[in-house]
Amino acid sequence: MTAPIVQRLRDTTAAINPVAAEVCDTIDNDCNIATPDCSAAGIEFDAVSTIAHTVGTTTTLTVPHLVGSESNRLLLVLVGVEGNESVASLAYGSSPLDFLTAFGSGGATGSRMEIWSLLAPAPGTPDVAMTFTTAVDVAGVVVLSYSGVDPISPIDARVGAWAQGGPPTVDVTTSTSDAWIVGGVDVKGGDTTPFTPGLGITERYDFQSGTAVSADHSYAGGDMIAAVPGTYTFNFTPTVEDDWAMVAVEIRPAL
């Protein structure tokens, strides 16, 4: 049977890893992560919801999420599974999401990360529902919503990587001023969390599917501001290194 662990987070406390002079608070005891107005551009973080599937196998998962009413909204969904598994479809209410990119080992003992998007999601609380191509026994799903994005073409760079050990990291080359980079990582093993976000990254989530060293996975991710076009390092350091997969995208701001 499915025994999901759901965490609902909104912009009510503070960011974990602020950039230099930006003053942001720390995570509270309720696992709620948020940021005061630390943005350098029009993009703003709205909310994050997570779910971990840990018991038995399933071909579907549903994540409740609340999207705010700010203008120029964007919904991103990151999914971490075993390396030989994948998502068949994703929808927010009745609106299907678009697949952006995925990276993984391709093997049952590795990890795979996918990222999907929906432009202009309706404000409110429709669930995010997904169907997997095959039954999964371990999965981590993250729903992130933002506002102030380009209302026509919000996604530019799409990158990712995977490796059998070592620190999870990717380089993202942005093309727009005041863009944001959003991404996440799936690391094999329930002992690999907590994570330490890289320089300039605000961690939005950090959780595990369970504590088993070989059977479970751990997940972390967040966003960073790319004030000028260039190449930025997006990275997270796990407590213990293991097989990992990471994806990241560039979000363009509204003009």
Protein backbone atom coordinates (compact mmCIF):
# COMPACT_ATOMS: atom_id res chain seq x y z
CA MET A 1 0.00 0.00 0.00
CA THR A 2 0.98 3.61 -0.40
CA ALA A 3 2.07 5.51 2.71
CA PRO A 4 2.88 9.01 1.50
CA ILE A 5 4.53 11.65 3.64
CA VAL A 6 3.24 15.07 2.68
CA GLN A 7 4.88 18.36 3.60
CA ARG A 8 3.10 21.61 2.76
CA LEU A 9 5.37 24.66 2.69
CA ARG A 10 4.60 28.29 1.90
CA ASP A 11 6.42 31.62 2.00
CA THR A 12 6.09 32.25 5.75
CA THR A 13 9.50 31.75 7.35
CA ALA A 14 12.90 31.99 5.70
CA ALA A 15 15.53 30.89 3.21
CA ILE A 16 18.26 28.47 4.20
CA ASN A 17 21.23 29.71 2.21
CA PRO A 18 20.93 33.40 1.30
CA VAL A 19 23.38 35.15 -1.00
CA ALA A 20 26.02 37.26 0.79
CA ALA A 21 24.39 40.60 1.64
CA GLU A 22 20.78 39.42 1.29
CA VAL A 23 19.29 39.03 4.74
CA CYS A 24 17.14 35.91 4.96
CA ASP A 25 16.24 33.96 8.08
CA THR A 26 16.63 30.24 8.80
CA ILE A 27 14.43 27.17 8.61
CA ASP A 28 11.99 26.76 11.47
CA ASN A 29 10.94 23.69 13.40
CA ASP A 30 7.86 23.22 11.21
CA CYS A 31 9.90 22.46 8.06
CA ASN A 32 8.43 25.58 6.46
CA ILE A 33 10.97 27.29 4.21
CA ALA A 34 10.49 30.69 2.66
CA THR A 35 12.20 33.89 1.70
CA PRO A 36 11.52 37.51 2.49
CA ASP A 37 11.79 39.71 -0.57
CA CYS A 38 15.35 38.75 -1.52
CA SER A 39 14.73 38.65 -5.26
CA ALA A 40 16.77 40.82 -7.60
CA ALA A 41 14.08 40.83 -10.29
CA GLY A 42 10.37 40.30 -10.84
CA ILE A 43 10.41 36.56 -10.21
CA GLU A 44 9.11 35.53 -6.80
CA PHE A 45 8.83 32.20 -5.01
CA ASP A 46 5.24 31.22 -4.21
CA ALA A 47 5.02 27.79 -2.58
CA VAL A 48 6.42 24.26 -2.40
CA SER A 49 4.78 20.92 -1.62
CA THR A 50 6.47 17.53 -1.34
CA ILE A 51 5.48 13.90 -1.06
CA ALA A 52 7.54 10.74 -0.55
CA HIS A 53 6.25 7.30 -1.52
CA THR A 54 7.84 4.65 0.70
CA VAL A 55 5.67 1.56 1.20
CA GLY A 56 4.63 -0.94 -1.46
CA THR A 57 4.39 -0.19 -5.18
CA THR A 58 2.20 2.28 -7.01
CA THR A 59 1.63 3.54 -10.56
CA THR A 60 0.10 6.88 -9.48
CA LEU A 61 0.76 9.64 -6.97
CA THR A 62 -1.13 12.81 -6.06
CA VAL A 63 0.30 15.92 -4.42
CA PRO A 64 -1.92 18.68 -2.96
CA HIS A 65 -0.58 22.15 -3.76
CA LEU A 66 -1.83 25.71 -3.34
CA VAL A 67 -0.96 28.19 -6.11
CA GLY A 68 -1.14 31.89 -5.23
CA SER A 69 -2.94 34.59 -7.20
CA GLU A 70 0.09 36.66 -8.25
CA SER A 71 0.50 37.40 -11.97
CA ASN A 72 2.64 35.53 -14.52
CA ARG A 73 2.63 32.21 -12.67
CA LEU A 74 4.67 29.07 -13.35
CA LEU A 75 4.36 25.58 -11.89
CA LEU A 76 7.36 23.21 -11.82
CA VAL A 77 7.24 19.56 -10.76
CA LEU A 78 10.39 17.55 -10.02
CA VAL A 79 10.18 13.78 -9.68
CA GLY A 80 12.91 11.46 -8.38
CA VAL A 81 12.66 7.70 -8.96
CA GLU A 82 14.90 4.67 -9.53
CA GLY A 83 17.20 4.95 -12.54
CA ASN A 84 15.12 2.64 -14.74
CA GLU A 85 11.73 4.25 -13.96
CA SER A 86 9.99 7.33 -15.38
CA VAL A 87 6.83 9.46 -15.40
CA ALA A 88 4.26 8.85 -18.14
CA SER A 89 2.07 11.92 -17.54
CA LEU A 90 1.49 14.80 -15.12
CA ALA A 91 -1.49 17.11 -14.67
CA TYR A 92 -2.47 20.01 -12.43
CA GLY A 93 -6.20 19.54 -12.13
CA SER A 94 -7.27 19.09 -15.75
CA SER A 95 -4.22 20.90 -17.20
CA PRO A 96 -1.42 18.63 -18.49
CA LEU A 97 2.19 19.58 -17.74
CA ASP A 98 4.97 19.76 -20.33
CA PHE A 99 8.05 17.56 -19.98
CA LEU A 100 11.27 19.63 -19.81
CA THR A 101 14.17 17.23 -19.27
CA ALA A 102 15.36 14.18 -17.34
CA PHE A 103 18.66 12.58 -16.40
CA GLY A 104 19.41 9.25 -14.76
CA SER A 105 21.50 6.12 -14.64
CA GLY A 106 19.10 3.90 -16.53
CA GLY A 107 19.69 1.16 -13.98
CA ALA A 108 17.52 -0.18 -11.18
CA THR A 109 20.16 0.64 -8.55
CA GLY A 110 20.62 4.27 -9.61
CA SER A 111 18.60 7.48 -9.59
CA ARG A 112 16.59 9.49 -12.13
CA MET A 113 15.32 13.08 -11.91
CA GLU A 114 12.65 14.61 -14.15
CA ILE A 115 11.28 18.15 -14.34
CA TRP A 116 7.92 19.21 -15.84
CA SER A 117 6.23 22.62 -16.16
CA LEU A 118 2.90 24.37 -16.56
CA LEU A 119 2.62 28.01 -17.60
CA ALA A 120 -0.12 30.12 -16.00
CA PRO A 121 -1.56 27.53 -13.59
CA ALA A 122 -4.91 28.55 -12.19
CA PRO A 123 -4.70 29.89 -8.62
CA GLY A 124 -6.17 27.59 -6.02
CA THR A 125 -5.76 24.01 -4.87
CA PRO A 126 -6.10 21.53 -7.76
CA ASP A 127 -4.01 18.45 -7.04
CA VAL A 128 -0.95 17.53 -9.06
CA ALA A 129 -1.54 13.97 -10.26
CA MET A 130 0.97 11.74 -12.05
CA THR A 131 1.12 8.32 -13.66
CA PHE A 132 4.33 6.32 -13.89
CA THR A 133 5.30 4.14 -16.85
CA THR A 134 5.77 1.19 -14.46
CA ALA A 135 5.03 0.54 -10.81
CA VAL A 136 7.46 2.34 -8.47
CA ASP A 137 8.36 1.46 -4.89
CA VAL A 138 10.32 4.61 -4.04
CA ALA A 139 9.60 8.13 -5.31
CA GLY A 140 9.97 11.74 -4.26
CA VAL A 141 7.81 14.46 -5.82
CA VAL A 142 8.21 18.22 -5.44
CA VAL A 143 5.80 20.90 -6.66
CA LEU A 144 7.12 24.47 -6.87
CA SER A 145 5.19 27.56 -7.94
CA TYR A 146 6.59 30.97 -8.91
CA SER A 147 5.25 34.30 -10.15
CA GLY A 148 6.68 37.14 -12.22
CA VAL A 149 7.95 34.85 -15.01
CA ASP A 150 7.96 35.52 -18.75
CA PRO A 151 4.31 34.88 -19.74
CA ILE A 152 5.21 33.55 -23.20
CA SER A 153 8.51 31.67 -22.94
CA PRO A 154 9.58 31.28 -19.30
CA ILE A 155 11.98 28.33 -19.66
CA ASP A 156 15.36 28.69 -21.34
CA ALA A 157 18.34 26.53 -20.34
CA ARG A 158 17.60 22.91 -19.37
CA VAL A 159 20.47 20.84 -17.99
CA GLY A 160 21.17 17.80 -15.88
CA ALA A 161 23.67 15.11 -14.95
CA TRP A 162 24.03 11.84 -13.07
CA ALA A 163 26.95 9.94 -11.55
CA GLN A 164 27.78 6.95 -9.40
CA GLY A 165 29.03 8.97 -6.45
CA GLY A 166 30.73 12.31 -5.99
CA PRO A 167 29.10 15.68 -5.24
CA PRO A 168 25.93 16.41 -7.27
CA THR A 169 26.55 19.46 -9.49
CA VAL A 170 25.62 20.94 -12.87
CA ASP A 171 26.60 24.13 -14.67
CA VAL A 172 23.77 26.27 -16.02
CA THR A 173 24.46 28.92 -18.68
CA THR A 174 21.79 31.61 -18.57
CA SER A 175 20.92 34.07 -21.34
CA THR A 176 18.67 36.60 -19.57
CA SER A 177 19.36 39.18 -16.88
CA ASP A 178 17.68 38.59 -13.51
CA ALA A 179 16.80 35.00 -14.38
CA TRP A 180 16.35 32.33 -11.73
CA ILE A 181 17.80 28.81 -11.77
CA VAL A 182 15.57 26.11 -10.28
CA GLY A 183 16.58 22.49 -9.81
CA GLY A 184 16.83 19.45 -7.63
CA VAL A 185 18.71 16.24 -6.93
CA ASP A 186 17.81 12.64 -6.10
CA VAL A 187 20.52 10.72 -4.21
CA LYS A 188 20.36 7.01 -3.49
CA GLY A 189 20.14 6.12 0.19
CA GLY A 190 18.12 7.33 3.15
CA ASP A 191 21.38 8.25 4.89
CA THR A 192 22.34 10.95 2.36
CA THR A 193 20.18 13.72 3.84
CA PRO A 194 20.44 16.46 5.07
CA PHE A 195 22.04 18.33 2.18
CA THR A 196 24.12 21.50 2.10
CA PRO A 197 23.13 23.84 -0.76
CA GLY A 198 25.82 25.47 -2.86
CA LEU A 199 26.78 29.13 -2.78
CA GLY A 200 23.86 31.42 -3.62
CA ILE A 201 21.23 28.66 -3.59
CA THR A 202 18.10 28.97 -1.46
CA GLU A 203 17.12 25.47 -0.38
CA ARG A 204 13.36 24.95 -0.73
CA TYR A 205 13.13 21.28 0.30
CA ASP A 206 15.24 18.52 1.86
CA PHE A 207 13.65 15.16 2.69
CA GLN A 208 13.95 11.39 2.31
CA SER A 209 11.67 8.53 1.35
CA GLY A 210 12.88 6.59 4.40
CA THR A 211 15.99 5.70 6.37
CA ALA A 212 17.10 2.49 4.59
CA VAL A 213 20.61 2.88 3.22
CA SER A 214 20.04 0.86 0.04
CA ALA A 215 16.27 0.93 -0.53
CA ASP A 216 15.41 4.59 0.07
CA HIS A 217 16.32 7.87 -1.64
CA SER A 218 16.89 11.46 -0.46
CA TYR A 219 15.87 14.66 -2.26
CA ALA A 220 16.89 18.30 -2.12
CA GLY A 221 16.52 21.36 -4.32
CA GLY A 222 15.84 25.04 -4.57
CA ASP A 223 16.60 28.13 -6.59
CA MET A 224 19.20 30.85 -7.13
CA ILE A 225 19.23 34.28 -8.76
CA ALA A 226 21.35 34.69 -11.91
CA ALA A 227 21.57 38.48 -12.04
CA VAL A 228 23.59 38.65 -15.27
CA PRO A 229 23.85 36.17 -18.17
CA GLY A 230 26.64 33.67 -17.61
CA THR A 231 27.49 30.21 -16.30
CA TYR A 232 26.42 29.33 -12.76
CA THR A 233 27.15 26.25 -10.66
CA PHE A 234 24.09 24.57 -9.18
CA ASN A 235 25.09 22.03 -6.55
CA PHE A 236 24.09 20.26 -3.34
CA THR A 237 26.35 18.30 -1.00
CA PRO A 238 24.75 15.21 0.62
CA THR A 239 25.71 13.91 4.04
CA VAL A 240 26.93 10.70 2.36
CA GLU A 241 27.85 10.42 -1.32
CA ASP A 242 26.04 7.82 -3.46
CA ASP A 243 24.47 7.47 -6.91
CA TRP A 244 22.71 10.69 -7.88
CA ALA A 245 20.76 12.46 -10.63
CA MET A 246 20.20 16.23 -10.93
CA VAL A 247 18.21 18.57 -13.18
CA ALA A 248 18.02 22.38 -13.37
CA VAL A 249 16.33 24.96 -15.59
CA GLU A 250 16.58 28.70 -16.19
CA ILE A 251 13.42 30.74 -15.58
CA ARG A 252 13.14 34.01 -17.49
CA PRO A 253 11.51 37.01 -15.76
CA ALA A 254 8.59 38.98 -17.16
CA LEU A 255 9.73 42.09 -18.98
